Amino acid sequence: MRKYVILAMAALACMVTASYAQADQTIEASIKPSKLSKKKKKPVTLIVDIRTSDAGGTLDQPADADRTIVDWPKNLSFDPKAVPNCAGTEADLQNTTTEAAIDICGKKSIVSVQPKGGIGPDSLDPAGGNRVVKSSVPTGAVVTVDADPLTADSAQTFVPVALTAFNGTSNNTLYLHSKATTLPVTNVLVGKLKKGKGKYGSSLDVTIPQLLAGGISDFKTTVKAGKYVQAVCKSKKMPYGARTIYSDAPQTTATYNGKCSQKK
């Protein structure tokens, strides 16, 4: 969910055009509360954090992704009908501010937790590195841009992105409105909820348009909207997965073994 915002951008002085051999990706996820009934569903808060970096270790600019699929455990279920649909279309949301997007869709269609005070440069590691302080980014993403991607010691720019997820106009669709907080640039990513395979109960398949300013190094979102996301603890195992497809790099696959506890 990575570039997936990722996550956007046109007004950066440098557009990254270099190709990358491969990338590394990780996913972490959790739900609150984690102590649940074995059978009765309960609304939960879902937190997902997907990070991507260059696999070589010399460059931190992630490769440009075309598509990311996030796999959810069978204990989790999504009910898009529990939340009003966005009153506008994907096209209506393009190139809008977060405030304008909320006006178009309607506040009740928001399914992500909005950060208090927004996200900004202070969300980045104060030591000056490329790490993102997790607790400072309740929802959103960070785009990493290399001024010269072919030089290992080149200066990098970090662009915080405010993410607002809306219940889409079509069934089982999410609009991921991604507004760069330091640039006049917005991207809208469209995700499709689908039936999962194997150990996963469902998947969110997100198509990622070509972004004009680097790749997403950290994508984090928190989802809670009444009964939109519910969970049981039929199995104590809560497996999560992320698969990202690139046009100029091998596919990356990441997994995370979450867990829940059962109420007696």
Protein backbone atom coordinates (compact mmCIF):
# COMPACT_ATOMS: atom_id res chain seq x y z
CA MET A 1 0.00 0.00 0.00
CA ARG A 2 3.21 1.59 -0.48
CA LYS A 3 3.51 3.72 -3.35
CA TYR A 4 0.00 3.61 -2.80
CA VAL A 5 -0.41 6.94 -1.94
CA ILE A 6 1.16 6.34 -1.75
CA LEU A 7 0.24 6.01 -1.95
CA ALA A 8 1.51 11.21 -5.78
CA MET A 9 3.11 14.19 -7.08
CA ALA A 10 4.00 16.66 -9.75
CA ALA A 11 5.70 19.63 -8.36
CA LEU A 12 9.00 18.15 -7.30
CA ALA A 13 11.95 19.57 -9.09
CA CYS A 14 13.31 16.11 -9.80
CA MET A 15 11.33 13.27 -11.27
CA VAL A 16 12.79 9.87 -10.62
CA THR A 17 13.16 7.83 -13.77
CA ALA A 18 15.79 5.25 -12.86
CA SER A 19 14.85 1.59 -12.70
CA TYR A 20 15.63 -0.62 -9.73
CA ALA A 21 16.70 -4.25 -9.64
CA GLN A 22 14.62 -5.20 -6.62
CA ALA A 23 12.95 -3.99 -3.46
CA ASP A 24 12.38 -5.15 0.12
CA GLN A 25 8.99 -4.97 1.79
CA THR A 26 7.58 -5.62 5.26
CA ILE A 27 4.08 -5.56 6.73
CA GLU A 28 2.91 -5.22 10.34
CA ALA A 29 -0.73 -5.25 11.40
CA SER A 30 -2.88 -5.43 14.51
CA ILE A 31 -6.45 -5.06 15.72
CA LYS A 32 -7.95 -3.45 18.82
CA PRO A 33 -9.41 -5.02 20.83
CA SER A 34 -7.52 -8.26 20.27
CA LYS A 35 -9.51 -10.28 22.81
CA LEU A 36 -12.63 -11.45 21.00
CA SER A 37 -15.41 -13.99 20.93
CA LYS A 38 -14.89 -17.19 18.95
CA LYS A 39 -18.19 -16.69 17.12
CA LYS A 40 -19.73 -13.25 17.66
CA LYS A 41 -18.32 -10.48 15.46
CA LYS A 42 -17.27 -7.21 17.08
CA PRO A 43 -16.18 -3.89 15.51
CA VAL A 44 -12.41 -3.44 15.71
CA THR A 45 -9.76 -0.89 14.87
CA LEU A 46 -7.41 -2.21 12.18
CA ILE A 47 -3.87 -0.83 11.94
CA VAL A 48 -1.68 -1.68 8.95
CA ASP A 49 1.88 -0.52 8.27
CA ILE A 50 3.64 -1.46 4.99
CA ARG A 51 7.24 -0.39 4.42
CA THR A 52 9.30 -0.61 1.25
CA SER A 53 12.96 0.09 0.55
CA ASP A 54 15.66 -0.65 -2.02
CA ALA A 55 16.95 -4.19 -1.47
CA GLY A 56 20.57 -3.29 -2.15
CA GLY A 57 20.89 -1.17 0.95
CA THR A 58 22.66 1.66 -0.87
CA LEU A 59 19.59 3.53 -2.05
CA ASP A 60 16.46 4.18 -0.06
CA GLN A 61 14.30 5.18 -3.01
CA PRO A 62 11.67 2.43 -3.42
CA ALA A 63 10.85 1.12 -6.86
CA ASP A 64 7.67 2.35 -8.54
CA ALA A 65 4.81 -0.09 -7.98
CA ASP A 66 1.90 -0.86 -10.31
CA ARG A 67 -0.29 -2.78 -7.89
CA THR A 68 -0.37 -3.89 -4.26
CA ILE A 69 -2.54 -6.64 -2.79
CA VAL A 70 -3.02 -6.74 0.97
CA ASP A 71 -4.26 -10.06 2.35
CA TRP A 72 -6.41 -10.20 5.49
CA PRO A 73 -6.93 -13.05 7.98
CA LYS A 74 -10.15 -15.07 7.96
CA ASN A 75 -11.03 -13.67 11.40
CA LEU A 76 -11.55 -10.26 9.80
CA SER A 77 -14.60 -9.28 7.78
CA PHE A 78 -15.50 -6.11 5.91
CA ASP A 79 -19.01 -4.76 5.44
CA PRO A 80 -19.02 -1.83 2.97
CA LYS A 81 -22.83 -1.66 3.26
CA ALA A 82 -22.43 -0.53 6.88
CA VAL A 83 -21.03 2.81 5.70
CA PRO A 84 -22.51 5.31 3.20
CA ASN A 85 -20.90 5.35 -0.23
CA CYS A 86 -18.93 8.35 -1.43
CA ALA A 87 -21.32 10.75 -3.16
CA GLY A 88 -18.73 11.48 -5.86
CA THR A 89 -16.57 9.49 -8.26
CA GLU A 90 -12.85 8.81 -8.39
CA ALA A 91 -12.55 11.52 -11.07
CA ASP A 92 -14.32 14.01 -8.78
CA LEU A 93 -11.69 13.47 -6.09
CA GLN A 94 -8.61 13.88 -8.30
CA ASN A 95 -6.55 17.03 -7.63
CA THR A 96 -8.60 18.01 -4.59
CA THR A 97 -7.59 18.92 -1.05
CA THR A 98 -8.54 16.63 1.80
CA GLU A 99 -11.23 19.08 2.88
CA ALA A 100 -12.70 19.24 -0.63
CA ALA A 101 -12.69 15.45 -0.90
CA ILE A 102 -14.61 15.16 2.36
CA ASP A 103 -17.16 17.69 1.08
CA ILE A 104 -17.59 15.65 -2.11
CA CYS A 105 -17.86 12.22 -0.49
CA GLY A 106 -19.46 13.13 2.80
CA LYS A 107 -17.93 12.66 6.26
CA LYS A 108 -19.92 9.50 6.94
CA SER A 109 -18.24 7.70 4.04
CA ILE A 110 -14.78 7.99 5.66
CA VAL A 111 -13.48 4.62 6.88
CA SER A 112 -10.02 5.70 8.07
CA VAL A 113 -9.10 7.34 11.37
CA GLN A 114 -8.01 10.91 10.70
CA PRO A 115 -4.77 12.02 12.37
CA LYS A 116 -5.06 14.71 15.02
CA GLY A 117 -3.23 17.74 13.71
CA GLY A 118 -2.33 15.99 10.45
CA ILE A 119 1.09 14.62 9.51
CA GLY A 120 4.12 16.64 8.58
CA PRO A 121 7.94 16.72 8.57
CA ASP A 122 7.98 16.07 12.32
CA SER A 123 6.71 12.59 11.53
CA LEU A 124 10.18 11.80 10.23
CA ASP A 125 13.05 10.55 12.31
CA PRO A 126 14.49 13.60 14.15
CA ALA A 127 17.96 12.12 13.78
CA GLY A 128 17.73 12.88 10.08
CA GLY A 129 17.59 9.31 8.83
CA ASN A 130 14.98 7.73 6.61
CA ARG A 131 13.11 5.97 9.37
CA VAL A 132 9.56 7.03 10.11
CA VAL A 133 8.44 7.34 13.71
CA LYS A 134 5.47 4.98 13.73
CA SER A 135 3.50 6.63 16.50
CA SER A 136 3.68 9.96 14.69
CA VAL A 137 1.93 8.69 11.57
CA PRO A 138 -1.50 7.40 12.63
CA THR A 139 -2.61 7.35 9.02
CA GLY A 140 -0.80 8.40 5.88
CA ALA A 141 2.40 7.69 4.05
CA VAL A 142 5.88 8.99 3.39
CA VAL A 143 7.26 9.25 -0.13
CA THR A 144 11.04 9.08 -0.45
CA VAL A 145 12.70 10.93 -3.32
CA ASP A 146 16.37 10.68 -4.27
CA ALA A 147 17.78 13.82 -5.87
CA ASP A 148 20.15 11.55 -7.80
CA PRO A 149 19.00 7.90 -7.58
CA LEU A 150 22.20 6.65 -9.20
CA THR A 151 24.40 8.04 -6.43
CA ALA A 152 24.44 6.18 -3.13
CA ASP A 153 25.12 9.25 -1.00
CA SER A 154 22.68 11.58 -2.74
CA ALA A 155 20.38 13.79 -0.69
CA GLN A 156 16.86 12.56 -0.14
CA THR A 157 13.57 14.33 0.28
CA PHE A 158 10.73 12.99 2.41
CA VAL A 159 7.21 13.96 1.42
CA PRO A 160 4.50 13.25 4.03
CA VAL A 161 1.17 12.25 2.52
CA ALA A 162 -2.18 12.56 4.31
CA LEU A 163 -4.37 9.57 3.51
CA THR A 164 -8.15 9.55 3.74
CA ALA A 165 -9.99 6.33 2.88
CA PHE A 166 -13.57 6.60 1.64
CA ASN A 167 -16.12 3.87 1.00
CA GLY A 168 -16.22 3.98 -2.80
CA THR A 169 -19.17 4.64 -5.07
CA SER A 170 -19.16 1.06 -6.41
CA ASN A 171 -19.64 -2.00 -4.22
CA ASN A 172 -16.55 -3.32 -2.39
CA THR A 173 -14.47 -0.34 -3.48
CA LEU A 174 -12.22 2.00 -1.51
CA TYR A 175 -10.99 5.43 -2.59
CA LEU A 176 -7.60 6.18 -1.05
CA HIS A 177 -7.34 9.97 -1.30
CA SER A 178 -3.64 10.81 -0.94
CA LYS A 179 -2.70 14.46 -0.48
CA ALA A 180 0.95 15.48 -0.23
CA THR A 181 1.17 17.78 2.77
CA THR A 182 4.09 19.83 1.45
CA LEU A 183 3.21 19.84 -2.26
CA PRO A 184 0.11 20.81 -4.27
CA VAL A 185 -0.34 17.25 -5.47
CA THR A 186 -3.10 14.67 -4.94
CA ASN A 187 -3.54 11.08 -6.11
CA VAL A 188 -6.57 8.87 -5.69
CA LEU A 189 -5.89 5.15 -5.53
CA VAL A 190 -8.72 2.70 -6.01
CA GLY A 191 -8.83 -0.52 -4.02
CA LYS A 192 -11.12 -3.50 -4.60
CA LEU A 193 -12.13 -5.84 -1.78
CA LYS A 194 -12.04 -9.43 -3.02
CA LYS A 195 -12.37 -12.93 -1.64
CA GLY A 196 -9.05 -14.20 -0.32
CA LYS A 197 -7.25 -17.42 -1.11
CA GLY A 198 -5.74 -20.12 1.07
CA LYS A 199 -5.24 -18.93 4.65
CA TYR A 200 -6.60 -15.46 3.87
CA GLY A 201 -10.24 -14.52 4.12
CA SER A 202 -10.18 -11.44 1.89
CA SER A 203 -7.81 -9.17 -0.03
CA LEU A 204 -7.63 -5.49 -0.93
CA ASP A 205 -6.31 -5.12 -4.49
CA VAL A 206 -5.04 -1.58 -5.10
CA THR A 207 -4.08 -0.29 -8.54
CA ILE A 208 -1.32 2.31 -8.32
CA PRO A 209 -1.04 5.05 -10.95
CA GLN A 210 2.36 6.34 -12.03
CA LEU A 211 3.50 8.80 -9.39
CA LEU A 212 5.71 11.68 -10.43
CA ALA A 213 7.81 11.92 -7.30
CA GLY A 214 9.41 8.77 -6.07
CA GLY A 215 7.98 5.79 -4.28
CA ILE A 216 6.24 5.21 -0.99
CA SER A 217 8.66 4.12 1.70
CA ASP A 218 6.09 3.85 4.48
CA PHE A 219 2.31 3.44 4.19
CA LYS A 220 0.26 3.30 7.34
CA THR A 221 -3.47 3.45 7.83
CA THR A 222 -5.86 2.98 10.70
CA VAL A 223 -9.40 1.83 9.88
CA LYS A 224 -12.38 2.12 12.17
CA ALA A 225 -15.90 2.98 11.09
CA GLY A 226 -18.61 1.33 13.12
CA LYS A 227 -19.26 -2.07 11.63
CA TYR A 228 -17.12 -1.55 8.52
CA VAL A 229 -14.40 -3.82 9.97
CA GLN A 230 -15.37 -6.58 12.39
CA ALA A 231 -13.56 -9.57 13.80
CA VAL A 232 -13.86 -12.80 15.72
CA CYS A 233 -11.13 -15.00 17.18
CA LYS A 234 -12.14 -18.35 15.77
CA SER A 235 -8.45 -19.05 15.26
CA LYS A 236 -5.79 -17.41 17.42
CA LYS A 237 -3.63 -17.02 14.34
CA MET A 238 -4.06 -13.77 12.36
CA PRO A 239 -1.91 -13.96 9.19
CA TYR A 240 -1.48 -10.83 7.07
CA GLY A 241 0.27 -10.49 3.72
CA ALA A 242 1.32 -7.89 1.17
CA ARG A 243 2.26 -8.48 -2.47
CA THR A 244 3.47 -5.69 -4.71
CA ILE A 245 3.89 -5.90 -8.47
CA TYR A 246 6.36 -3.68 -10.35
CA SER A 247 6.94 -3.03 -14.03
CA ASP A 248 10.73 -2.77 -13.57
CA ALA A 249 11.45 -4.94 -10.53
CA PRO A 250 10.62 -8.44 -9.22
CA GLN A 251 7.45 -8.85 -7.18
CA THR A 252 7.84 -8.40 -3.43
CA THR A 253 6.01 -10.51 -0.87
CA ALA A 254 5.75 -9.83 2.84
CA THR A 255 3.90 -11.63 5.62
CA TYR A 256 3.13 -10.93 9.25
CA ASN A 257 1.86 -13.36 11.90
CA GLY A 258 -0.58 -11.48 14.08
CA LYS A 259 -2.69 -13.04 16.81
CA CYS A 260 -5.82 -12.63 18.88
CA SER A 261 -6.99 -14.08 22.18
CA GLN A 262 -10.31 -15.81 22.79
CA LYS A 263 -12.86 -14.75 25.36
CA LYS A 264 -13.89 -17.54 27.67
